């Protein structure tokens, strides 16, 4: 076993969270997850969320928020909310089209993210970006992921989603090698070319190399499991994912 803490991206169990957030978080904690990454707050305030997490012994590994929450007057509200949660990682899970529809747009967005990253640094926070598929499909002869992370500063977290990267035709191992010390939080998501409900550890991701890089050169602080296809109930799927991760020695 390594000492890398493991969190769950709550988007994996979003319907359960919407029905009964506290019971869902309790179930996640009882499975053995050490933290959670938010994808919405289900109309709870930061103080209430913090009390619930403290009661369950869960930490915050990050939050997925829109880029609009990092701009203008919204930024201070976001900082205040996440200061209460003691959350260090503000991750944008995807940019609106106008922020990514050309190389120039990607470069402009990268500059915005660089500026915001400097603004949140005094609060001990970092911003970051999480990939889907389009980031690895050529645009103007280049790969958007490389356009963006080629010019963002090292404080901008490269939250690599392994499964999404492979869906986009990329190799997560090569990405981690190309960007050392950037993958501070990593989404552990499985990929299979034949099964869209595959669970962690049961597909095509080269986990041994991913783990090796995360634990040596990538600067990774959290493994975050995310599951979006369900062979069982979402709760059972994320339980199996954690069990499989443990079987792999993590």
C-alpha atoms as a PDB file:
ATOM      1  CA  UNK A   1       0.000   0.000   0.000  1.00  0.00           C
ATOM      2  CA  UNK A   2       1.140   3.547  -0.722  1.00  0.00           C
ATOM      3  CA  UNK A   3       0.405   6.583   1.384  1.00  0.00           C
ATOM      4  CA  UNK A   4      -1.435   8.362  -1.437  1.00  0.00           C
ATOM      5  CA  UNK A   5      -4.878   9.415  -0.178  1.00  0.00           C
ATOM      6  CA  UNK A   6      -7.875   8.392  -2.273  1.00  0.00           C
ATOM      7  CA  UNK A   7     -10.955  10.524  -2.833  1.00  0.00           C
ATOM      8  CA  UNK A   8     -14.190  10.066  -4.745  1.00  0.00           C
ATOM      9  CA  UNK A   9     -15.424  12.545  -7.339  1.00  0.00           C
ATOM     10  CA  UNK A  10     -19.010  12.928  -6.172  1.00  0.00           C
ATOM     11  CA  UNK A  11     -20.282  13.277  -9.746  1.00  0.00           C
ATOM     12  CA  UNK A  12     -19.969   9.478  -9.717  1.00  0.00           C
ATOM     13  CA  UNK A  13     -22.862   9.270  -7.234  1.00  0.00           C
ATOM     14  CA  UNK A  14     -24.609  12.518  -8.115  1.00  0.00           C
ATOM     15  CA  UNK A  15     -28.158  11.120  -8.034  1.00  0.00           C
ATOM     16  CA  UNK A  16     -27.575   9.598  -4.612  1.00  0.00           C
ATOM     17  CA  UNK A  17     -26.161  12.921  -3.402  1.00  0.00           C
ATOM     18  CA  UNK A  18     -29.223  14.762  -4.707  1.00  0.00           C
ATOM     19  CA  UNK A  19     -31.535  12.404  -2.821  1.00  0.00           C
ATOM     20  CA  UNK A  20     -29.639  12.225   0.473  1.00  0.00           C
ATOM     21  CA  UNK A  21     -26.247  13.906   0.590  1.00  0.00           C
ATOM     22  CA  UNK A  22     -25.388  13.054   4.187  1.00  0.00           C
ATOM     23  CA  UNK A  23     -26.204   9.353   3.861  1.00  0.00           C
ATOM     24  CA  UNK A  24     -24.240   9.172   0.623  1.00  0.00           C
ATOM     25  CA  UNK A  25     -21.194  10.823   2.174  1.00  0.00           C
ATOM     26  CA  UNK A  26     -21.493   8.451   5.139  1.00  0.00           C
ATOM     27  CA  UNK A  27     -21.498   5.470   2.786  1.00  0.00           C
ATOM     28  CA  UNK A  28     -18.471   6.840   0.931  1.00  0.00           C
ATOM     29  CA  UNK A  29     -16.574   7.290   4.202  1.00  0.00           C
ATOM     30  CA  UNK A  30     -17.476   3.796   5.399  1.00  0.00           C
ATOM     31  CA  UNK A  31     -16.096   2.300   2.176  1.00  0.00           C
ATOM     32  CA  UNK A  32     -12.706   3.708   3.073  1.00  0.00           C
ATOM     33  CA  UNK A  33     -12.465   6.813   0.908  1.00  0.00           C
ATOM     34  CA  UNK A  34     -10.413   9.478   2.638  1.00  0.00           C
ATOM     35  CA  UNK A  35     -11.812  12.463   0.809  1.00  0.00           C
ATOM     36  CA  UNK A  36     -14.258  13.764  -1.756  1.00  0.00           C
ATOM     37  CA  UNK A  37     -14.140  16.099  -4.697  1.00  0.00           C
ATOM     38  CA  UNK A  38     -17.289  18.150  -5.108  1.00  0.00           C
ATOM     39  CA  UNK A  39     -19.303  18.583  -8.298  1.00  0.00           C
ATOM     40  CA  UNK A  40     -21.949  20.902  -6.882  1.00  0.00           C
ATOM     41  CA  UNK A  41     -23.013  21.489  -3.292  1.00  0.00           C
ATOM     42  CA  UNK A  42     -26.693  20.439  -3.339  1.00  0.00           C
ATOM     43  CA  UNK A  43     -27.851  23.743  -1.841  1.00  0.00           C
ATOM     44  CA  UNK A  44     -25.664  23.352   1.250  1.00  0.00           C
ATOM     45  CA  UNK A  45     -23.554  26.130   2.671  1.00  0.00           C
ATOM     46  CA  UNK A  46     -19.862  25.767   3.323  1.00  0.00           C
ATOM     47  CA  UNK A  47     -20.240  25.622   7.114  1.00  0.00           C
ATOM     48  CA  UNK A  48     -22.815  22.816   6.944  1.00  0.00           C
ATOM     49  CA  UNK A  49     -20.705  20.846   4.484  1.00  0.00           C
ATOM     50  CA  UNK A  50     -17.605  21.257   6.622  1.00  0.00           C
ATOM     51  CA  UNK A  51     -19.409  20.021   9.747  1.00  0.00           C
ATOM     52  CA  UNK A  52     -20.701  16.971   7.884  1.00  0.00           C
ATOM     53  CA  UNK A  53     -17.297  16.130   6.458  1.00  0.00           C
ATOM     54  CA  UNK A  54     -15.618  16.572   9.841  1.00  0.00           C
ATOM     55  CA  UNK A  55     -18.171  14.285  11.475  1.00  0.00           C
ATOM     56  CA  UNK A  56     -17.418  11.615   8.883  1.00  0.00           C
ATOM     57  CA  UNK A  57     -13.655  12.078   8.858  1.00  0.00           C
ATOM     58  CA  UNK A  58     -13.591  13.120   5.202  1.00  0.00           C
ATOM     59  CA  UNK A  59     -11.292  15.726   3.652  1.00  0.00           C
ATOM     60  CA  UNK A  60     -11.852  17.838   0.561  1.00  0.00           C
ATOM     61  CA  UNK A  61      -9.644  16.841  -2.354  1.00  0.00           C
ATOM     62  CA  UNK A  62     -10.993  19.555  -4.622  1.00  0.00           C
ATOM     63  CA  UNK A  63     -14.069  20.955  -6.297  1.00  0.00           C
ATOM     64  CA  UNK A  64     -15.222  21.174  -9.903  1.00  0.00           C
ATOM     65  CA  UNK A  65     -16.481  24.653 -10.711  1.00  0.00           C
ATOM     66  CA  UNK A  66     -17.104  26.740 -13.809  1.00  0.00           C
ATOM     67  CA  UNK A  67     -14.562  29.284 -14.942  1.00  0.00           C
ATOM     68  CA  UNK A  68     -17.183  31.982 -14.298  1.00  0.00           C
ATOM     69  CA  UNK A  69     -16.804  31.361 -10.554  1.00  0.00           C
ATOM     70  CA  UNK A  70     -13.139  32.397 -10.811  1.00  0.00           C
ATOM     71  CA  UNK A  71     -13.708  35.699 -12.573  1.00  0.00           C
ATOM     72  CA  UNK A  72     -14.568  39.205 -11.392  1.00  0.00           C
ATOM     73  CA  UNK A  73     -16.533  39.556  -8.164  1.00  0.00           C
ATOM     74  CA  UNK A  74     -17.311  35.833  -8.125  1.00  0.00           C
ATOM     75  CA  UNK A  75     -13.709  34.936  -7.320  1.00  0.00           C
ATOM     76  CA  UNK A  76     -13.811  36.298  -3.783  1.00  0.00           C
ATOM     77  CA  UNK A  77     -17.038  34.398  -3.064  1.00  0.00           C
ATOM     78  CA  UNK A  78     -15.409  31.214  -4.331  1.00  0.00           C
ATOM     79  CA  UNK A  79     -12.324  31.774  -2.208  1.00  0.00           C
ATOM     80  CA  UNK A  80     -14.386  32.440   0.916  1.00  0.00           C
ATOM     81  CA  UNK A  81     -16.547  29.326   0.386  1.00  0.00           C
ATOM     82  CA  UNK A  82     -13.558  27.072  -0.174  1.00  0.00           C
ATOM     83  CA  UNK A  83     -11.572  28.579   2.682  1.00  0.00           C
ATOM     84  CA  UNK A  84     -14.294  27.348   5.019  1.00  0.00           C
ATOM     85  CA  UNK A  85     -14.111  23.897   3.412  1.00  0.00           C
ATOM     86  CA  UNK A  86     -10.301  24.014   3.661  1.00  0.00           C
ATOM     87  CA  UNK A  87     -10.189  23.108   0.004  1.00  0.00           C
ATOM     88  CA  UNK A  88      -6.987  23.927  -1.875  1.00  0.00           C
ATOM     89  CA  UNK A  89      -7.938  22.845  -5.394  1.00  0.00           C
ATOM     90  CA  UNK A  90     -10.362  24.772  -7.602  1.00  0.00           C
ATOM     91  CA  UNK A  91     -10.664  22.728 -10.784  1.00  0.00           C
ATOM     92  CA  UNK A  92     -12.459  23.773 -13.964  1.00  0.00           C
ATOM     93  CA  UNK A  93     -13.905  20.587 -15.527  1.00  0.00           C
ATOM     94  CA  UNK A  94     -14.361  22.059 -18.995  1.00  0.00           C
ATOM     95  CA  UNK A  95     -14.325  25.440 -20.722  1.00  0.00           C
ATOM     96  CA  UNK A  96     -17.252  26.996 -22.616  1.00  0.00           C
ATOM     97  CA  UNK A  97     -16.742  26.920 -26.369  1.00  0.00           C
ATOM     98  CA  UNK A  98     -15.618  30.528 -26.646  1.00  0.00           C
ATOM     99  CA  UNK A  99     -12.680  29.717 -24.396  1.00  0.00           C
ATOM    100  CA  UNK A 100     -11.500  26.788 -26.545  1.00  0.00           C
ATOM    101  CA  UNK A 101     -12.707  27.119 -30.144  1.00  0.00           C
ATOM    102  CA  UNK A 102      -9.306  28.119 -31.595  1.00  0.00           C
ATOM    103  CA  UNK A 103      -5.645  28.128 -30.710  1.00  0.00           C
ATOM    104  CA  UNK A 104      -5.932  31.831 -29.917  1.00  0.00           C
ATOM    105  CA  UNK A 105      -8.839  31.112 -27.563  1.00  0.00           C
ATOM    106  CA  UNK A 106      -6.854  28.422 -25.734  1.00  0.00           C
ATOM    107  CA  UNK A 107      -3.906  30.796 -25.349  1.00  0.00           C
ATOM    108  CA  UNK A 108      -6.146  33.597 -24.063  1.00  0.00           C
ATOM    109  CA  UNK A 109      -7.798  31.210 -21.601  1.00  0.00           C
ATOM    110  CA  UNK A 110      -4.393  30.033 -20.420  1.00  0.00           C
ATOM    111  CA  UNK A 111      -3.456  33.642 -19.674  1.00  0.00           C
ATOM    112  CA  UNK A 112      -6.679  34.104 -17.701  1.00  0.00           C
ATOM    113  CA  UNK A 113      -5.927  30.985 -15.684  1.00  0.00           C
ATOM    114  CA  UNK A 114      -2.385  32.192 -15.010  1.00  0.00           C
ATOM    115  CA  UNK A 115      -3.728  35.485 -13.679  1.00  0.00           C
ATOM    116  CA  UNK A 116      -6.321  33.787 -11.463  1.00  0.00           C
ATOM    117  CA  UNK A 117      -3.728  31.369 -10.157  1.00  0.00           C
ATOM    118  CA  UNK A 118      -1.708  34.297  -8.842  1.00  0.00           C
ATOM    119  CA  UNK A 119      -4.790  35.785  -7.187  1.00  0.00           C
ATOM    120  CA  UNK A 120      -5.635  32.623  -5.226  1.00  0.00           C
ATOM    121  CA  UNK A 121      -2.062  31.804  -4.241  1.00  0.00           C
ATOM    122  CA  UNK A 122      -2.118  34.018  -1.100  1.00  0.00           C
ATOM    123  CA  UNK A 123      -5.021  31.882   0.161  1.00  0.00           C
ATOM    124  CA  UNK A 124      -3.072  28.649  -0.256  1.00  0.00           C
ATOM    125  CA  UNK A 125      -5.236  27.615  -3.184  1.00  0.00           C
ATOM    126  CA  UNK A 126      -4.549  26.465  -6.715  1.00  0.00           C
ATOM    127  CA  UNK A 127      -6.723  26.379  -9.785  1.00  0.00           C
ATOM    128  CA  UNK A 128      -6.597  23.697 -12.436  1.00  0.00           C
ATOM    129  CA  UNK A 129      -8.157  22.122 -15.488  1.00  0.00           C
ATOM    130  CA  UNK A 130      -9.697  18.666 -16.039  1.00  0.00           C
ATOM    131  CA  UNK A 131      -9.843  17.056 -19.462  1.00  0.00           C
ATOM    132  CA  UNK A 132     -12.540  15.388 -21.471  1.00  0.00           C
ATOM    133  CA  UNK A 133     -11.957  14.260 -25.081  1.00  0.00           C
ATOM    134  CA  UNK A 134     -11.561  17.368 -27.202  1.00  0.00           C
ATOM    135  CA  UNK A 135      -8.327  18.450 -25.546  1.00  0.00           C
ATOM    136  CA  UNK A 136      -6.446  15.703 -27.410  1.00  0.00           C
ATOM    137  CA  UNK A 137      -7.965  16.154 -30.847  1.00  0.00           C
ATOM    138  CA  UNK A 138      -5.825  18.279 -33.214  1.00  0.00           C
ATOM    139  CA  UNK A 139      -6.667  21.933 -33.721  1.00  0.00           C
ATOM    140  CA  UNK A 140      -4.719  24.077 -36.180  1.00  0.00           C
ATOM    141  CA  UNK A 141      -2.047  21.412 -36.308  1.00  0.00           C
ATOM    142  CA  UNK A 142      -1.576  21.239 -32.537  1.00  0.00           C
ATOM    143  CA  UNK A 143      -3.066  19.428 -29.546  1.00  0.00           C
ATOM    144  CA  UNK A 144      -5.139  21.784 -27.339  1.00  0.00           C
ATOM    145  CA  UNK A 145      -3.840  20.122 -24.143  1.00  0.00           C
ATOM    146  CA  UNK A 146      -0.302  21.013 -25.176  1.00  0.00           C
ATOM    147  CA  UNK A 147      -1.288  24.517 -26.262  1.00  0.00           C
ATOM    148  CA  UNK A 148      -2.828  25.147 -22.851  1.00  0.00           C
ATOM    149  CA  UNK A 149      -0.357  23.449 -20.539  1.00  0.00           C
ATOM    150  CA  UNK A 150       2.571  24.616 -22.609  1.00  0.00           C
ATOM    151  CA  UNK A 151       1.968  28.194 -21.452  1.00  0.00           C
ATOM    152  CA  UNK A 152       0.199  27.919 -18.101  1.00  0.00           C
ATOM    153  CA  UNK A 153       2.407  28.322 -15.055  1.00  0.00           C
ATOM    154  CA  UNK A 154       3.274  25.389 -12.808  1.00  0.00           C
ATOM    155  CA  UNK A 155       0.711  26.422 -10.206  1.00  0.00           C
ATOM    156  CA  UNK A 156      -2.112  25.576 -12.635  1.00  0.00           C
ATOM    157  CA  UNK A 157      -2.968  21.963 -11.813  1.00  0.00           C
ATOM    158  CA  UNK A 158      -3.096  19.486 -14.685  1.00  0.00           C
ATOM    159  CA  UNK A 159      -5.921  17.259 -13.464  1.00  0.00           C
ATOM    160  CA  UNK A 160      -5.486  14.353 -15.841  1.00  0.00           C
ATOM    161  CA  UNK A 161      -8.523  12.124 -16.294  1.00  0.00           C
ATOM    162  CA  UNK A 162      -7.009   8.861 -17.488  1.00  0.00           C
ATOM    163  CA  UNK A 163     -10.142   7.376 -19.043  1.00  0.00           C
ATOM    164  CA  UNK A 164     -11.199  10.566 -20.792  1.00  0.00           C
ATOM    165  CA  UNK A 165      -7.690  10.987 -22.216  1.00  0.00           C
ATOM    166  CA  UNK A 166      -7.815   7.493 -23.712  1.00  0.00           C
ATOM    167  CA  UNK A 167     -11.269   8.178 -25.145  1.00  0.00           C
ATOM    168  CA  UNK A 168      -9.654  11.151 -26.860  1.00  0.00           C
ATOM    169  CA  UNK A 169      -6.931   8.971 -28.343  1.00  0.00           C
ATOM    170  CA  UNK A 170      -4.174   9.980 -25.916  1.00  0.00           C
ATOM    171  CA  UNK A 171      -1.901   7.918 -23.692  1.00  0.00           C
ATOM    172  CA  UNK A 172      -2.053   9.050 -20.045  1.00  0.00           C
ATOM    173  CA  UNK A 173       1.406   7.607 -19.395  1.00  0.00           C
ATOM    174  CA  UNK A 174       2.958   9.800 -22.071  1.00  0.00           C
ATOM    175  CA  UNK A 175       1.066  12.845 -20.799  1.00  0.00           C
ATOM    176  CA  UNK A 176       2.383  12.326 -17.285  1.00  0.00           C
ATOM    177  CA  UNK A 177       5.914  11.925 -18.635  1.00  0.00           C
ATOM    178  CA  UNK A 178       5.616  15.112 -20.702  1.00  0.00           C
ATOM    179  CA  UNK A 179       4.416  17.237 -17.770  1.00  0.00           C
ATOM    180  CA  UNK A 180       6.318  16.363 -14.581  1.00  0.00           C
ATOM    181  CA  UNK A 181       5.115  17.914 -11.315  1.00  0.00           C
ATOM    182  CA  UNK A 182       1.857  19.118 -12.885  1.00  0.00           C
ATOM    183  CA  UNK A 183      -0.628  16.309 -12.091  1.00  0.00           C
ATOM    184  CA  UNK A 184      -1.265  17.298  -8.481  1.00  0.00           C
ATOM    185  CA  UNK A 185      -4.634  15.558  -8.475  1.00  0.00           C
ATOM    186  CA  UNK A 186      -5.403  12.712 -10.878  1.00  0.00           C
ATOM    187  CA  UNK A 187      -8.733  11.220 -11.885  1.00  0.00           C
ATOM    188  CA  UNK A 188      -8.463   7.447 -11.882  1.00  0.00           C
ATOM    189  CA  UNK A 189     -10.985   6.443 -14.511  1.00  0.00           C
ATOM    190  CA  UNK A 190     -10.894   3.192 -16.424  1.00  0.00           C
ATOM    191  CA  UNK A 191     -11.136   2.853 -20.201  1.00  0.00           C
ATOM    192  CA  UNK A 192     -12.220  -0.051 -22.368  1.00  0.00           C
ATOM    193  CA  UNK A 193     -12.732  -0.052 -26.116  1.00  0.00           C
ATOM    194  CA  UNK A 194     -15.500  -2.646 -25.718  1.00  0.00           C
ATOM    195  CA  UNK A 195     -17.209  -1.899 -22.388  1.00  0.00           C
ATOM    196  CA  UNK A 196     -18.451   1.567 -21.443  1.00  0.00           C
ATOM    197  CA  UNK A 197     -19.350   0.316 -17.950  1.00  0.00           C
ATOM    198  CA  UNK A 198     -15.886  -1.037 -17.138  1.00  0.00           C
ATOM    199  CA  UNK A 199     -14.703  -0.584 -13.555  1.00  0.00           C
ATOM    200  CA  UNK A 200     -11.331   0.593 -12.350  1.00  0.00           C
ATOM    201  CA  UNK A 201      -8.641  -2.036 -12.826  1.00  0.00           C
ATOM    202  CA  UNK A 202     -10.676  -4.103 -15.274  1.00  0.00           C
ATOM    203  CA  UNK A 203      -9.909  -2.331 -18.553  1.00  0.00           C
ATOM    204  CA  UNK A 204      -7.097  -1.077 -20.748  1.00  0.00           C
ATOM    205  CA  UNK A 205      -5.369   1.631 -18.675  1.00  0.00           C
ATOM    206  CA  UNK A 206      -1.725   0.840 -17.909  1.00  0.00           C
ATOM    207  CA  UNK A 207      -2.181   1.372 -14.196  1.00  0.00           C
ATOM    208  CA  UNK A 208       1.252   0.202 -13.103  1.00  0.00           C
ATOM    209  CA  UNK A 209       2.958   2.937 -15.141  1.00  0.00           C
ATOM    210  CA  UNK A 210       0.373   5.554 -14.190  1.00  0.00           C
ATOM    211  CA  UNK A 211       0.925   4.812 -10.497  1.00  0.00           C
ATOM    212  CA  UNK A 212       4.700   4.762 -10.898  1.00  0.00           C
ATOM    213  CA  UNK A 213       4.727   8.230 -12.482  1.00  0.00           C
ATOM    214  CA  UNK A 214       2.189   9.708 -10.070  1.00  0.00           C
ATOM    215  CA  UNK A 215       4.230   8.492  -7.118  1.00  0.00           C
ATOM    216  CA  UNK A 216       7.621   9.623  -8.454  1.00  0.00           C
ATOM    217  CA  UNK A 217       7.699  12.495 -10.955  1.00  0.00           C
ATOM    218  CA  UNK A 218       4.166  13.865 -11.276  1.00  0.00           C
ATOM    219  CA  UNK A 219       3.825  15.574  -7.894  1.00  0.00           C
ATOM    220  CA  UNK A 220       0.498  13.856  -7.262  1.00  0.00           C
ATOM    221  CA  UNK A 221      -1.162  14.500  -3.889  1.00  0.00           C
ATOM    222  CA  UNK A 222      -4.560  12.834  -4.421  1.00  0.00           C
ATOM    223  CA  UNK A 223      -5.929   9.921  -6.386  1.00  0.00           C
ATOM    224  CA  UNK A 224      -9.550  10.698  -7.224  1.00  0.00           C
ATOM    225  CA  UNK A 225     -11.762   7.867  -8.446  1.00  0.00           C
ATOM    226  CA  UNK A 226     -14.476   8.763 -10.942  1.00  0.00           C
ATOM    227  CA  UNK A 227     -16.962   6.307 -12.427  1.00  0.00           C
ATOM    228  CA  UNK A 228     -19.473   7.302 -15.092  1.00  0.00           C
ATOM    229  CA  UNK A 229     -20.707   3.949 -16.439  1.00  0.00           C
ATOM    230  CA  UNK A 230     -22.691   1.685 -14.134  1.00  0.00           C
ATOM    231  CA  UNK A 231     -22.825  -2.091 -14.280  1.00  0.00           C
ATOM    232  CA  UNK A 232     -24.395  -1.966 -10.790  1.00  0.00           C
ATOM    233  CA  UNK A 233     -25.795   0.884  -8.739  1.00  0.00           C
ATOM    234  CA  UNK A 234     -23.458   3.905  -8.617  1.00  0.00           C
ATOM    235  CA  UNK A 235     -22.718   3.263  -4.936  1.00  0.00           C
ATOM    236  CA  UNK A 236     -21.783  -0.355  -5.611  1.00  0.00           C
ATOM    237  CA  UNK A 237     -19.658   0.676  -8.581  1.00  0.00           C
ATOM    238  CA  UNK A 238     -17.554   3.125  -6.597  1.00  0.00           C
ATOM    239  CA  UNK A 239     -17.196   0.533  -3.852  1.00  0.00           C
ATOM    240  CA  UNK A 240     -15.850  -1.979  -6.362  1.00  0.00           C
ATOM    241  CA  UNK A 241     -13.514   0.643  -7.825  1.00  0.00           C
ATOM    242  CA  UNK A 242     -11.953   1.298  -4.430  1.00  0.00           C
ATOM    243  CA  UNK A 243     -11.678  -2.420  -3.705  1.00  0.00           C
ATOM    244  CA  UNK A 244      -9.935  -2.952  -7.059  1.00  0.00           C
ATOM    245  CA  UNK A 245      -7.576  -0.078  -6.365  1.00  0.00           C
ATOM    246  CA  UNK A 246      -6.623  -1.683  -3.057  1.00  0.00           C
ATOM    247  CA  UNK A 247      -6.024  -4.996  -4.835  1.00  0.00           C
ATOM    248  CA  UNK A 248      -3.534  -3.129  -7.046  1.00  0.00           C
ATOM    249  CA  UNK A 249      -1.668  -2.089  -3.912  1.00  0.00           C
ATOM    250  CA  UNK A 250      -2.968   1.472  -3.694  1.00  0.00           C
END
